[in-house]
Structures are given as C-alpha cells and as structure tokens.
Amino acid sequence: MDGTWHQLVGVRDTSTGMVSLYVDGVFHSLYDDQGLGNAPAGTPFLLGGIRSPDGTSLWSLYTGLMEDVEVYSGALSASEIAYLYDHPDAVVPLPPTVLLLGSGLLVLAG
C-alpha cells in the first residue's frame, strides 16, 4: 500500500467468467472468477467481502476506507474506465453487465 487513494474497477465477463481489473484507469490484470457464477435472486448485496458458497460465513473482508462508490447496470469499456479516471465527476452511458467502482476498493457482484 502506498497510502494514496486509487480508482479500482472490475469488469466481469459473464460469458467467460473472467474478471478484468483496472487500476487508475489502466488495465492491470485478468482473473478467473473461480466458478462463483451469478448470485441467485435475492442474494444480499455486499461491499468489501464475499459470502461463502454455503452462506454461513463471509470471506475476504475489507477493513479499509471506501469513497465515491458507483454501481453501473452494465460493464464499462476500457476507454470509459480511462475517461472516468481522467474525469472523476463525469458520467458515462450505461451498457450491459455488472460493475462496482470505488476509489480505494473494488468489489464484484455476480
């Protein structure tokens, strides 16, 4: 940790189960969602952790600070992510997958 705020963005491709991570508007890495798949209807929305598959506990709990969290109804493109980093008060049109965006933290829901 470098002690400064960062924009973290995750985009999950529902067709491949891969998650792209962007840091400060730039592609950083690609991860497999480890078979988590889409959450069943009625699943609680959780920022800063993930519920275990059997629903009895929480994993990977985040204990830091979050600010300016944005939820989009669709996946953002790489150019939209870069634009938002360069223009933090801007809004982009909403396309089709789920993304949670936070300065300082990224959490995916699926």
PDB file of N, CA and C in Angstrom:
ATOM      1  N   MET A   1       0.831  -1.177   0.000  1.00  0.00           N
ATOM      2  CA  MET A   1       0.000   0.000   0.000  1.00  0.00           C
ATOM      3  C   MET A   1       0.875   1.239   0.000  1.00  0.00           C
ATOM      4  N   ASP A   2       0.449   2.234  -0.776  1.00  0.00           N
ATOM      5  CA  ASP A   2       1.236   3.456  -0.855  1.00  0.00           C
ATOM      6  C   ASP A   2       0.594   4.626  -0.118  1.00  0.00           C
ATOM      7  N   GLY A   3      -0.528   4.406   0.562  1.00  0.00           N
ATOM      8  CA  GLY A   3      -1.153   5.447   1.359  1.00  0.00           C
ATOM      9  C   GLY A   3      -1.966   6.462   0.580  1.00  0.00           C
ATOM     10  N   THR A   4      -2.174   6.237  -0.713  1.00  0.00           N
ATOM     11  CA  THR A   4      -2.980   7.162  -1.507  1.00  0.00           C
ATOM     12  C   THR A   4      -4.218   6.452  -2.041  1.00  0.00           C
ATOM     13  N   TRP A   5      -5.233   7.241  -2.388  1.00  0.00           N
ATOM     14  CA  TRP A   5      -6.456   6.695  -2.956  1.00  0.00           C
ATOM     15  C   TRP A   5      -6.209   6.260  -4.395  1.00  0.00           C
ATOM     16  N   HIS A   6      -6.874   5.180  -4.788  1.00  0.00           N
ATOM     17  CA  HIS A   6      -6.784   4.699  -6.157  1.00  0.00           C
ATOM     18  C   HIS A   6      -8.175   4.355  -6.663  1.00  0.00           C
ATOM     19  N   GLN A   7      -8.349   4.509  -7.945  1.00  0.00           N
ATOM     20  CA  GLN A   7      -9.586   4.069  -8.584  1.00  0.00           C
ATOM     21  C   GLN A   7      -9.374   2.608  -8.988  1.00  0.00           C
ATOM     22  N   LEU A   8     -10.227   1.731  -8.490  1.00  0.00           N
ATOM     23  CA  LEU A   8     -10.174   0.321  -8.846  1.00  0.00           C
ATOM     24  C   LEU A   8     -11.479  -0.049  -9.523  1.00  0.00           C
ATOM     25  N   VAL A   9     -11.372  -0.708 -10.664  1.00  0.00           N
ATOM     26  CA  VAL A   9     -12.561  -1.098 -11.425  1.00  0.00           C
ATOM     27  C   VAL A   9     -12.423  -2.560 -11.811  1.00  0.00           C
ATOM     28  N   GLY A  10     -13.487  -3.308 -11.601  1.00  0.00           N
ATOM     29  CA  GLY A  10     -13.522  -4.697 -12.029  1.00  0.00           C
ATOM     30  C   GLY A  10     -14.661  -4.889 -13.006  1.00  0.00           C
ATOM     31  N   VAL A  11     -14.394  -5.615 -14.062  1.00  0.00           N
ATOM     32  CA  VAL A  11     -15.413  -5.926 -15.057  1.00  0.00           C
ATOM     33  C   VAL A  11     -15.433  -7.439 -15.233  1.00  0.00           C
ATOM     34  N   ARG A  12     -16.590  -8.038 -14.974  1.00  0.00           N
ATOM     35  CA  ARG A  12     -16.719  -9.497 -15.099  1.00  0.00           C
ATOM     36  C   ARG A  12     -17.422  -9.831 -16.402  1.00  0.00           C
ATOM     37  N   ASP A  13     -16.780 -10.667 -17.208  1.00  0.00           N
ATOM     38  CA  ASP A  13     -17.370 -11.150 -18.460  1.00  0.00           C
ATOM     39  C   ASP A  13     -18.195 -12.382 -18.118  1.00  0.00           C
ATOM     40  N   THR A  14     -19.516 -12.259 -18.184  1.00  0.00           N
ATOM     41  CA  THR A  14     -20.383 -13.360 -17.779  1.00  0.00           C
ATOM     42  C   THR A  14     -20.274 -14.564 -18.709  1.00  0.00           C
ATOM     43  N   SER A  15     -19.812 -14.362 -19.934  1.00  0.00           N
ATOM     44  CA  SER A  15     -19.706 -15.492 -20.861  1.00  0.00           C
ATOM     45  C   SER A  15     -18.457 -16.333 -20.608  1.00  0.00           C
ATOM     46  N   THR A  16     -17.401 -15.718 -20.053  1.00  0.00           N
ATOM     47  CA  THR A  16     -16.154 -16.452 -19.821  1.00  0.00           C
ATOM     48  C   THR A  16     -15.833 -16.646 -18.348  1.00  0.00           C
ATOM     49  N   GLY A  17     -16.492 -15.891 -17.464  1.00  0.00           N
ATOM     50  CA  GLY A  17     -16.174 -15.967 -16.046  1.00  0.00           C
ATOM     51  C   GLY A  17     -14.856 -15.301 -15.698  1.00  0.00           C
ATOM     52  N   MET A  18     -14.340 -14.464 -16.596  1.00  0.00           N
ATOM     53  CA  MET A  18     -13.079 -13.769 -16.336  1.00  0.00           C
ATOM     54  C   MET A  18     -13.360 -12.350 -15.847  1.00  0.00           C
ATOM     55  N   VAL A  19     -12.516 -11.876 -14.936  1.00  0.00           N
ATOM     56  CA  VAL A  19     -12.651 -10.543 -14.360  1.00  0.00           C
ATOM     57  C   VAL A  19     -11.427  -9.725 -14.750  1.00  0.00           C
ATOM     58  N   SER A  20     -11.669  -8.573 -15.372  1.00  0.00           N
ATOM     59  CA  SER A  20     -10.589  -7.647 -15.707  1.00  0.00           C
ATOM     60  C   SER A  20     -10.488  -6.607 -14.608  1.00  0.00           C
ATOM     61  N   LEU A  21      -9.272  -6.359 -14.125  1.00  0.00           N
ATOM     62  CA  LEU A  21      -9.043  -5.368 -13.086  1.00  0.00           C
ATOM     63  C   LEU A  21      -8.298  -4.181 -13.687  1.00  0.00           C
ATOM     64  N   TYR A  22      -8.815  -2.980 -13.411  1.00  0.00           N
ATOM     65  CA  TYR A  22      -8.199  -1.739 -13.861  1.00  0.00           C
ATOM     66  C   TYR A  22      -7.802  -0.929 -12.626  1.00  0.00           C
ATOM     67  N   VAL A  23      -6.605  -0.358 -12.643  1.00  0.00           N
ATOM     68  CA  VAL A  23      -6.133   0.483 -11.550  1.00  0.00           C
ATOM     69  C   VAL A  23      -5.805   1.852 -12.121  1.00  0.00           C
ATOM     70  N   ASP A  24      -6.449   2.868 -11.575  1.00  0.00           N
ATOM     71  CA  ASP A  24      -6.251   4.249 -12.017  1.00  0.00           C
ATOM     72  C   ASP A  24      -6.422   4.392 -13.528  1.00  0.00           C
ATOM     73  N   GLY A  25      -7.454   3.746 -14.057  1.00  0.00           N
ATOM     74  CA  GLY A  25      -7.818   3.894 -15.462  1.00  0.00           C
ATOM     75  C   GLY A  25      -7.048   3.028 -16.435  1.00  0.00           C
ATOM     76  N   VAL A  26      -6.129   2.180 -15.945  1.00  0.00           N
ATOM     77  CA  VAL A  26      -5.272   1.367 -16.811  1.00  0.00           C
ATOM     78  C   VAL A  26      -5.486  -0.115 -16.485  1.00  0.00           C
ATOM     79  N   PHE A  27      -5.600  -0.952 -17.548  1.00  0.00           N
ATOM     80  CA  PHE A  27      -5.748  -2.391 -17.338  1.00  0.00           C
ATOM     81  C   PHE A  27      -4.581  -2.901 -16.510  1.00  0.00           C
ATOM     82  N   HIS A  28      -4.900  -3.718 -15.508  1.00  0.00           N
ATOM     83  CA  HIS A  28      -3.867  -4.244 -14.617  1.00  0.00           C
ATOM     84  C   HIS A  28      -3.700  -5.752 -14.762  1.00  0.00           C
ATOM     85  N   SER A  29      -4.806  -6.503 -14.698  1.00  0.00           N
ATOM     86  CA  SER A  29      -4.693  -7.955 -14.763  1.00  0.00           C
ATOM     87  C   SER A  29      -6.048  -8.595 -15.042  1.00  0.00           C
ATOM     88  N   LEU A  30      -5.982  -9.892 -15.338  1.00  0.00           N
ATOM     89  CA  LEU A  30      -7.169 -10.685 -15.658  1.00  0.00           C
ATOM     90  C   LEU A  30      -7.215 -11.863 -14.696  1.00  0.00           C
ATOM     91  N   TYR A  31      -8.390 -12.114 -14.103  1.00  0.00           N
ATOM     92  CA  TYR A  31      -8.565 -13.190 -13.130  1.00  0.00           C
ATOM     93  C   TYR A  31      -9.735 -14.068 -13.513  1.00  0.00           C
ATOM     94  N   ASP A  32      -9.667 -15.322 -13.141  1.00  0.00           N
ATOM     95  CA  ASP A  32     -10.803 -16.230 -13.259  1.00  0.00           C
ATOM     96  C   ASP A  32     -11.695 -15.994 -12.047  1.00  0.00           C
ATOM     97  N   ASP A  33     -13.011 -15.951 -12.234  1.00  0.00           N
ATOM     98  CA  ASP A  33     -13.906 -15.700 -11.091  1.00  0.00           C
ATOM     99  C   ASP A  33     -14.039 -16.925 -10.192  1.00  0.00           C
ATOM    100  N   GLN A  34     -13.253 -17.951 -10.448  1.00  0.00           N
ATOM    101  CA  GLN A  34     -13.174 -19.174  -9.637  1.00  0.00           C
ATOM    102  C   GLN A  34     -14.524 -19.873  -9.528  1.00  0.00           C
ATOM    103  N   GLY A  35     -15.299 -19.789 -10.601  1.00  0.00           N
ATOM    104  CA  GLY A  35     -16.554 -20.512 -10.663  1.00  0.00           C
ATOM    105  C   GLY A  35     -17.657 -19.947  -9.797  1.00  0.00           C
ATOM    106  N   LEU A  36     -17.514 -18.698  -9.343  1.00  0.00           N
ATOM    107  CA  LEU A  36     -18.543 -18.116  -8.490  1.00  0.00           C
ATOM    108  C   LEU A  36     -19.877 -17.968  -9.218  1.00  0.00           C
ATOM    109  N   GLY A  37     -19.818 -17.683 -10.502  1.00  0.00           N
ATOM    110  CA  GLY A  37     -21.046 -17.564 -11.282  1.00  0.00           C
ATOM    111  C   GLY A  37     -21.928 -16.426 -10.806  1.00  0.00           C
ATOM    112  N   ASN A  38     -23.158 -16.398 -11.276  1.00  0.00           N
ATOM    113  CA  ASN A  38     -24.097 -15.357 -10.895  1.00  0.00           C
ATOM    114  C   ASN A  38     -24.780 -15.719  -9.590  1.00  0.00           C
ATOM    115  N   ALA A  39     -24.942 -14.728  -8.751  1.00  0.00           N
ATOM    116  CA  ALA A  39     -25.618 -14.945  -7.467  1.00  0.00           C
ATOM    117  C   ALA A  39     -27.103 -15.195  -7.707  1.00  0.00           C
ATOM    118  N   PRO A  40     -27.706 -16.080  -6.927  1.00  0.00           N
ATOM    119  CA  PRO A  40     -29.139 -16.322  -7.070  1.00  0.00           C
ATOM    120  C   PRO A  40     -29.950 -15.074  -6.716  1.00  0.00           C
ATOM    121  N   ALA A  41     -31.122 -14.955  -7.273  1.00  0.00           N
ATOM    122  CA  ALA A  41     -32.010 -13.834  -6.963  1.00  0.00           C
ATOM    123  C   ALA A  41     -32.216 -13.751  -5.457  1.00  0.00           C
ATOM    124  N   GLY A  42     -32.235 -12.544  -4.946  1.00  0.00           N
ATOM    125  CA  GLY A  42     -32.436 -12.345  -3.518  1.00  0.00           C
ATOM    126  C   GLY A  42     -31.167 -12.374  -2.688  1.00  0.00           C
ATOM    127  N   THR A  43     -30.022 -12.608  -3.328  1.00  0.00           N
ATOM    128  CA  THR A  43     -28.757 -12.621  -2.602  1.00  0.00           C
ATOM    129  C   THR A  43     -28.444 -11.211  -2.115  1.00  0.00           C
ATOM    130  N   PRO A  44     -28.067 -11.049  -0.835  1.00  0.00           N
ATOM    131  CA  PRO A  44     -27.752  -9.710  -0.327  1.00  0.00           C
ATOM    132  C   PRO A  44     -26.582  -9.084  -1.078  1.00  0.00           C
ATOM    133  N   PHE A  45     -26.650  -7.786  -1.287  1.00  0.00           N
ATOM    134  CA  PHE A  45     -25.590  -7.017  -1.936  1.00  0.00           C
ATOM    135  C   PHE A  45     -24.537  -6.704  -0.883  1.00  0.00           C
ATOM    136  N   LEU A  46     -23.279  -7.054  -1.129  1.00  0.00           N
ATOM    137  CA  LEU A  46     -22.230  -6.922  -0.131  1.00  0.00           C
ATOM    138  C   LEU A  46     -21.033  -6.210  -0.741  1.00  0.00           C
ATOM    139  N   LEU A  47     -20.577  -5.160  -0.104  1.00  0.00           N
ATOM    140  CA  LEU A  47     -19.352  -4.474  -0.496  1.00  0.00           C
ATOM    141  C   LEU A  47     -18.266  -4.829   0.505  1.00  0.00           C
ATOM    142  N   GLY A  48     -17.114  -5.209   0.021  1.00  0.00           N
ATOM    143  CA  GLY A  48     -15.992  -5.460   0.906  1.00  0.00           C
ATOM    144  C   GLY A  48     -15.858  -6.886   1.387  1.00  0.00           C
ATOM    145  N   GLY A  49     -16.452  -7.831   0.691  1.00  0.00           N
ATOM    146  CA  GLY A  49     -16.314  -9.226   1.063  1.00  0.00           C
ATOM    147  C   GLY A  49     -17.158 -10.093   0.164  1.00  0.00           C
ATOM    148  N   ILE A  50     -17.135 -11.379   0.436  1.00  0.00           N
ATOM    149  CA  ILE A  50     -17.928 -12.324  -0.340  1.00  0.00           C
ATOM    150  C   ILE A  50     -18.470 -13.381   0.622  1.00  0.00           C
ATOM    151  N   ARG A  51     -19.689 -13.793   0.404  1.00  0.00           N
ATOM    152  CA  ARG A  51     -20.306 -14.819   1.259  1.00  0.00           C
ATOM    153  C   ARG A  51     -19.819 -16.197   0.798  1.00  0.00           C
ATOM    154  N   SER A  52     -19.546 -17.075   1.737  1.00  0.00           N
ATOM    155  CA  SER A  52     -19.110 -18.433   1.404  1.00  0.00           C
ATOM    156  C   SER A  52     -20.204 -19.137   0.601  1.00  0.00           C
ATOM    157  N   PRO A  53     -19.835 -20.122  -0.227  1.00  0.00           N
ATOM    158  CA  PRO A  53     -20.834 -20.808  -1.051  1.00  0.00           C
ATOM    159  C   PRO A  53     -21.998 -21.399  -0.246  1.00  0.00           C
ATOM    160  N   ASP A  54     -21.736 -21.833   0.994  1.00  0.00           N
ATOM    161  CA  ASP A  54     -22.833 -22.392   1.784  1.00  0.00           C
ATOM    162  C   ASP A  54     -23.608 -21.313   2.547  1.00  0.00           C
ATOM    163  N   GLY A  55     -23.161 -20.042   2.410  1.00  0.00           N
ATOM    164  CA  GLY A  55     -23.873 -18.924   3.011  1.00  0.00           C
ATOM    165  C   GLY A  55     -23.695 -18.747   4.498  1.00  0.00           C
ATOM    166  N   THR A  56     -22.764 -19.488   5.114  1.00  0.00           N
ATOM    167  CA  THR A  56     -22.633 -19.432   6.570  1.00  0.00           C
ATOM    168  C   THR A  56     -21.583 -18.450   7.071  1.00  0.00           C
ATOM    169  N   SER A  57     -20.715 -17.958   6.170  1.00  0.00           N
ATOM    170  CA  SER A  57     -19.678 -17.035   6.633  1.00  0.00           C
ATOM    171  C   SER A  57     -19.298 -16.067   5.521  1.00  0.00           C
ATOM    172  N   LEU A  58     -18.535 -15.027   5.913  1.00  0.00           N
ATOM    173  CA  LEU A  58     -18.045 -14.040   4.958  1.00  0.00           C
ATOM    174  C   LEU A  58     -16.544 -14.226   4.783  1.00  0.00           C
ATOM    175  N   TRP A  59     -16.081 -14.071   3.547  1.00  0.00           N
ATOM    176  CA  TRP A  59     -14.665 -14.225   3.226  1.00  0.00           C
ATOM    177  C   TRP A  59     -14.099 -12.908   2.734  1.00  0.00           C
ATOM    178  N   SER A  60     -12.788 -12.777   2.779  1.00  0.00           N
ATOM    179  CA  SER A  60     -12.046 -11.656   2.209  1.00  0.00           C
ATOM    180  C   SER A  60     -12.620 -10.312   2.643  1.00  0.00           C
ATOM    181  N   LEU A  61     -12.872 -10.164   3.925  1.00  0.00           N
ATOM    182  CA  LEU A  61     -13.457  -8.921   4.417  1.00  0.00           C
ATOM    183  C   LEU A  61     -12.473  -7.765   4.307  1.00  0.00           C
ATOM    184  N   TYR A  62     -12.934  -6.663   3.738  1.00  0.00           N
ATOM    185  CA  TYR A  62     -12.145  -5.448   3.566  1.00  0.00           C
ATOM    186  C   TYR A  62     -12.371  -4.549   4.771  1.00  0.00           C
ATOM    187  N   THR A  63     -11.309  -4.034   5.371  1.00  0.00           N
ATOM    188  CA  THR A  63     -11.447  -3.215   6.568  1.00  0.00           C
ATOM    189  C   THR A  63     -10.949  -1.784   6.373  1.00  0.00           C
ATOM    190  N   GLY A  64     -10.682  -1.384   5.138  1.00  0.00           N
ATOM    191  CA  GLY A  64     -10.196  -0.029   4.869  1.00  0.00           C
ATOM    192  C   GLY A  64     -11.333   0.939   4.623  1.00  0.00           C
ATOM    193  N   LEU A  65     -11.024   2.019   3.946  1.00  0.00           N
ATOM    194  CA  LEU A  65     -11.999   3.059   3.644  1.00  0.00           C
ATOM    195  C   LEU A  65     -12.449   2.970   2.195  1.00  0.00           C
ATOM    196  N   MET A  66     -13.690   3.359   1.938  1.00  0.00           N
ATOM    197  CA  MET A  66     -14.227   3.456   0.583  1.00  0.00           C
ATOM    198  C   MET A  66     -14.826   4.841   0.421  1.00  0.00           C
ATOM    199  N   GLU A  67     -14.718   5.369  -0.779  1.00  0.00           N
ATOM    200  CA  GLU A  67     -15.306   6.671  -1.068  1.00  0.00           C
ATOM    201  C   GLU A  67     -15.749   6.694  -2.512  1.00  0.00           C
ATOM    202  N   ASP A  68     -16.823   7.387  -2.777  1.00  0.00           N
ATOM    203  CA  ASP A  68     -17.331   7.567  -4.137  1.00  0.00           C
ATOM    204  C   ASP A  68     -17.572   6.238  -4.849  1.00  0.00           C
ATOM    205  N   VAL A  69     -18.286   5.357  -4.234  1.00  0.00           N
ATOM    206  CA  VAL A  69     -18.614   4.072  -4.837  1.00  0.00           C
ATOM    207  C   VAL A  69     -19.719   4.281  -5.861  1.00  0.00           C
ATOM    208  N   GLU A  70     -19.541   3.739  -7.038  1.00  0.00           N
ATOM    209  CA  GLU A  70     -20.533   3.844  -8.104  1.00  0.00           C
ATOM    210  C   GLU A  70     -20.910   2.446  -8.567  1.00  0.00           C
ATOM    211  N   VAL A  71     -22.181   2.243  -8.828  1.00  0.00           N
ATOM    212  CA  VAL A  71     -22.683   0.966  -9.319  1.00  0.00           C
ATOM    213  C   VAL A  71     -23.290   1.203 -10.689  1.00  0.00           C
ATOM    214  N   TYR A  72     -22.850   0.451 -11.657  1.00  0.00           N
ATOM    215  CA  TYR A  72     -23.363   0.576 -13.026  1.00  0.00           C
ATOM    216  C   TYR A  72     -24.189  -0.643 -13.381  1.00  0.00           C
ATOM    217  N   SER A  73     -25.169  -0.435 -14.217  1.00  0.00           N
ATOM    218  CA  SER A  73     -26.021  -1.548 -14.643  1.00  0.00           C
ATOM    219  C   SER A  73     -25.408  -2.316 -15.805  1.00  0.00           C
ATOM    220  N   GLY A  74     -24.261  -1.886 -16.262  1.00  0.00           N
ATOM    221  CA  GLY A  74     -23.601  -2.569 -17.370  1.00  0.00           C
ATOM    222  C   GLY A  74     -22.098  -2.448 -17.258  1.00  0.00           C
ATOM    223  N   ALA A  75     -21.403  -3.293 -18.004  1.00  0.00           N
ATOM    224  CA  ALA A  75     -19.935  -3.290 -17.996  1.00  0.00           C
ATOM    225  C   ALA A  75     -19.407  -2.067 -18.727  1.00  0.00           C
ATOM    226  N   LEU A  76     -18.403  -1.446 -18.167  1.00  0.00           N
ATOM    227  CA  LEU A  76     -17.756  -0.319 -18.820  1.00  0.00           C
ATOM    228  C   LEU A  76     -16.621  -0.822 -19.705  1.00  0.00           C
ATOM    229  N   SER A  77     -16.394  -0.134 -20.810  1.00  0.00           N
ATOM    230  CA  SER A  77     -15.280  -0.476 -21.697  1.00  0.00           C
ATOM    231  C   SER A  77     -13.992   0.118 -21.120  1.00  0.00           C
ATOM    232  N   ALA A  78     -12.862  -0.324 -21.643  1.00  0.00           N
ATOM    233  CA  ALA A  78     -11.570   0.194 -21.198  1.00  0.00           C
ATOM    234  C   ALA A  78     -11.496   1.705 -21.409  1.00  0.00           C
ATOM    235  N   SER A  79     -12.025   2.198 -22.516  1.00  0.00           N
ATOM    236  CA  SER A  79     -11.970   3.645 -22.771  1.00  0.00           C
ATOM    237  C   SER A  79     -12.882   4.413 -21.815  1.00  0.00           C
ATOM    238  N   GLU A  80     -14.016   3.847 -21.442  1.00  0.00           N
ATOM    239  CA  GLU A  80     -14.901   4.506 -20.475  1.00  0.00           C
ATOM    240  C   GLU A  80     -14.253   4.544 -19.089  1.00  0.00           C
ATOM    241  N   ILE A  81     -13.570   3.474 -18.719  1.00  0.00           N
ATOM    242  CA  ILE A  81     -12.877   3.430 -17.432  1.00  0.00           C
ATOM    243  C   ILE A  81     -11.768   4.480 -17.386  1.00  0.00           C
ATOM    244  N   ALA A  82     -10.987   4.571 -18.462  1.00  0.00           N
ATOM    245  CA  ALA A  82      -9.920   5.582 -18.537  1.00  0.00           C
ATOM    246  C   ALA A  82     -10.513   6.991 -18.481  1.00  0.00           C
ATOM    247  N   TYR A  83     -11.636   7.201 -19.163  1.00  0.00           N
ATOM    248  CA  TYR A  83     -12.300   8.505 -19.162  1.00  0.00           C
ATOM    249  C   TYR A  83     -12.743   8.877 -17.748  1.00  0.00           C
ATOM    250  N   LEU A  84     -13.345   7.939 -17.032  1.00  0.00           N
ATOM    251  CA  LEU A  84     -13.795   8.220 -15.667  1.00  0.00           C
ATOM    252  C   LEU A  84     -12.629   8.541 -14.738  1.00  0.00           C
ATOM    253  N   TYR A  85     -11.493   7.900 -14.959  1.00  0.00           N
ATOM    254  CA  TYR A  85     -10.320   8.211 -14.141  1.00  0.00           C
ATOM    255  C   TYR A  85      -9.852   9.640 -14.415  1.00  0.00           C
ATOM    256  N   ASP A  86      -9.818  10.009 -15.700  1.00  0.00           N
ATOM    257  CA  ASP A  86      -9.375  11.350 -16.084  1.00  0.00           C
ATOM    258  C   ASP A  86     -10.401  12.427 -15.741  1.00  0.00           C
ATOM    259  N   HIS A  87     -11.691  12.043 -15.632  1.00  0.00           N
ATOM    260  CA  HIS A  87     -12.793  12.976 -15.356  1.00  0.00           C
ATOM    261  C   HIS A  87     -13.664  12.388 -14.244  1.00  0.00           C
ATOM    262  N   PRO A  88     -13.202  12.427 -12.999  1.00  0.00           N
ATOM    263  CA  PRO A  88     -13.898  11.726 -11.914  1.00  0.00           C
ATOM    264  C   PRO A  88     -15.341  12.161 -11.660  1.00  0.00           C
ATOM    265  N   ASP A  89     -15.724  13.345 -12.078  1.00  0.00           N
ATOM    266  CA  ASP A  89     -17.104  13.798 -11.861  1.00  0.00           C
ATOM    267  C   ASP A  89     -18.006  13.521 -13.056  1.00  0.00           C
ATOM    268  N   ALA A  90     -17.479  12.876 -14.089  1.00  0.00           N
ATOM    269  CA  ALA A  90     -18.239  12.609 -15.312  1.00  0.00           C
ATOM    270  C   ALA A  90     -19.151  11.394 -15.148  1.00  0.00           C
ATOM    271  N   VAL A  91     -20.079  11.268 -16.062  1.00  0.00           N
ATOM    272  CA  VAL A  91     -20.981  10.122 -16.128  1.00  0.00           C
ATOM    273  C   VAL A  91     -20.859   9.538 -17.531  1.00  0.00           C
ATOM    274  N   VAL A  92     -20.865   8.222 -17.642  1.00  0.00           N
ATOM    275  CA  VAL A  92     -20.827   7.584 -18.960  1.00  0.00           C
ATOM    276  C   VAL A  92     -22.162   6.885 -19.200  1.00  0.00           C
ATOM    277  N   PRO A  93     -22.513   6.671 -20.455  1.00  0.00           N
ATOM    278  CA  PRO A  93     -23.743   5.913 -20.734  1.00  0.00           C
ATOM    279  C   PRO A  93     -23.645   4.515 -20.125  1.00  0.00           C
ATOM    280  N   LEU A  94     -24.768   3.935 -19.782  1.00  0.00           N
ATOM    281  CA  LEU A  94     -24.774   2.632 -19.121  1.00  0.00           C
ATOM    282  C   LEU A  94     -25.023   1.490 -20.091  1.00  0.00           C
ATOM    283  N   PRO A  95     -23.994   0.668 -20.403  1.00  0.00           N
ATOM    284  CA  PRO A  95     -24.161  -0.532 -21.221  1.00  0.00           C
ATOM    285  C   PRO A  95     -24.611  -1.788 -20.433  1.00  0.00           C
ATOM    286  N   PRO A  96     -24.271  -3.113 -20.855  1.00  0.00           N
ATOM    287  CA  PRO A  96     -24.926  -4.307 -20.225  1.00  0.00           C
ATOM    288  C   PRO A  96     -24.211  -5.397 -19.384  1.00  0.00           C
ATOM    289  N   THR A  97     -23.632  -5.315 -18.219  1.00  0.00           N
ATOM    290  CA  THR A  97     -23.102  -6.326 -17.258  1.00  0.00           C
ATOM    291  C   THR A  97     -22.962  -5.608 -15.911  1.00  0.00           C
ATOM    292  N   VAL A  98     -22.454  -6.199 -14.870  1.00  0.00           N
ATOM    293  CA  VAL A  98     -22.458  -5.531 -13.570  1.00  0.00           C
ATOM    294  C   VAL A  98     -21.053  -5.127 -13.154  1.00  0.00           C
ATOM    295  N   LEU A  99     -20.932  -3.939 -12.638  1.00  0.00           N
ATOM    296  CA  LEU A  99     -19.638  -3.410 -12.227  1.00  0.00           C
ATOM    297  C   LEU A  99     -19.831  -2.542 -10.995  1.00  0.00           C
ATOM    298  N   LEU A 100     -18.955  -2.673 -10.071  1.00  0.00           N
ATOM    299  CA  LEU A 100     -18.941  -1.797  -8.907  1.00  0.00           C
ATOM    300  C   LEU A 100     -17.627  -1.057  -8.934  1.00  0.00           C
ATOM    301  N   LEU A 101     -17.691   0.223  -8.773  1.00  0.00           N
ATOM    302  CA  LEU A 101     -16.499   1.043  -8.903  1.00  0.00           C
ATOM    303  C   LEU A 101     -16.306   1.839  -7.638  1.00  0.00           C
ATOM    304  N   GLY A 102     -15.131   1.796  -7.069  1.00  0.00           N
ATOM    305  CA  GLY A 102     -14.874   2.592  -5.886  1.00  0.00           C
ATOM    306  C   GLY A 102     -13.468   3.139  -5.874  1.00  0.00           C
ATOM    307  N   SER A 103     -13.312   4.343  -5.367  1.00  0.00           N
ATOM    308  CA  SER A 103     -11.980   4.891  -5.168  1.00  0.00           C
ATOM    309  C   SER A 103     -11.423   4.228  -3.917  1.00  0.00           C
ATOM    310  N   GLY A 104     -10.497   3.340  -4.091  1.00  0.00           N
ATOM    311  CA  GLY A 104      -9.908   2.665  -2.958  1.00  0.00           C
ATOM    312  C   GLY A 104     -10.311   1.206  -2.834  1.00  0.00           C
ATOM    313  N   LEU A 105     -11.387   0.774  -3.485  1.00  0.00           N
ATOM    314  CA  LEU A 105     -11.815  -0.611  -3.360  1.00  0.00           C
ATOM    315  C   LEU A 105     -12.653  -1.019  -4.545  1.00  0.00           C
ATOM    316  N   LEU A 106     -12.507  -2.239  -4.921  1.00  0.00           N
ATOM    317  CA  LEU A 106     -13.332  -2.821  -5.965  1.00  0.00           C
ATOM    318  C   LEU A 106     -13.980  -4.062  -5.411  1.00  0.00           C
ATOM    319  N   VAL A 107     -15.239  -4.234  -5.692  1.00  0.00           N
ATOM    320  CA  VAL A 107     -15.947  -5.455  -5.316  1.00  0.00           C
ATOM    321  C   VAL A 107     -16.839  -5.826  -6.475  1.00  0.00           C
ATOM    322  N   LEU A 108     -16.883  -7.104  -6.799  1.00  0.00           N
ATOM    323  CA  LEU A 108     -17.726  -7.570  -7.899  1.00  0.00           C
ATOM    324  C   LEU A 108     -18.918  -8.308  -7.364  1.00  0.00           C
ATOM    325  N   ALA A 109     -20.030  -8.100  -7.994  1.00  0.00           N
ATOM    326  CA  ALA A 109     -21.225  -8.878  -7.668  1.00  0.00           C
ATOM    327  C   ALA A 109     -21.623  -9.646  -8.902  1.00  0.00           C
ATOM    328  N   GLY A 110     -21.993 -10.853  -8.747  1.00  0.00           N
ATOM    329  CA  GLY A 110     -22.362 -11.598  -9.946  1.00  0.00           C
ATOM    330  C   GLY A 110     -23.264 -12.736  -9.643  1.00  0.00           C
TER     331      GLY A 110
END
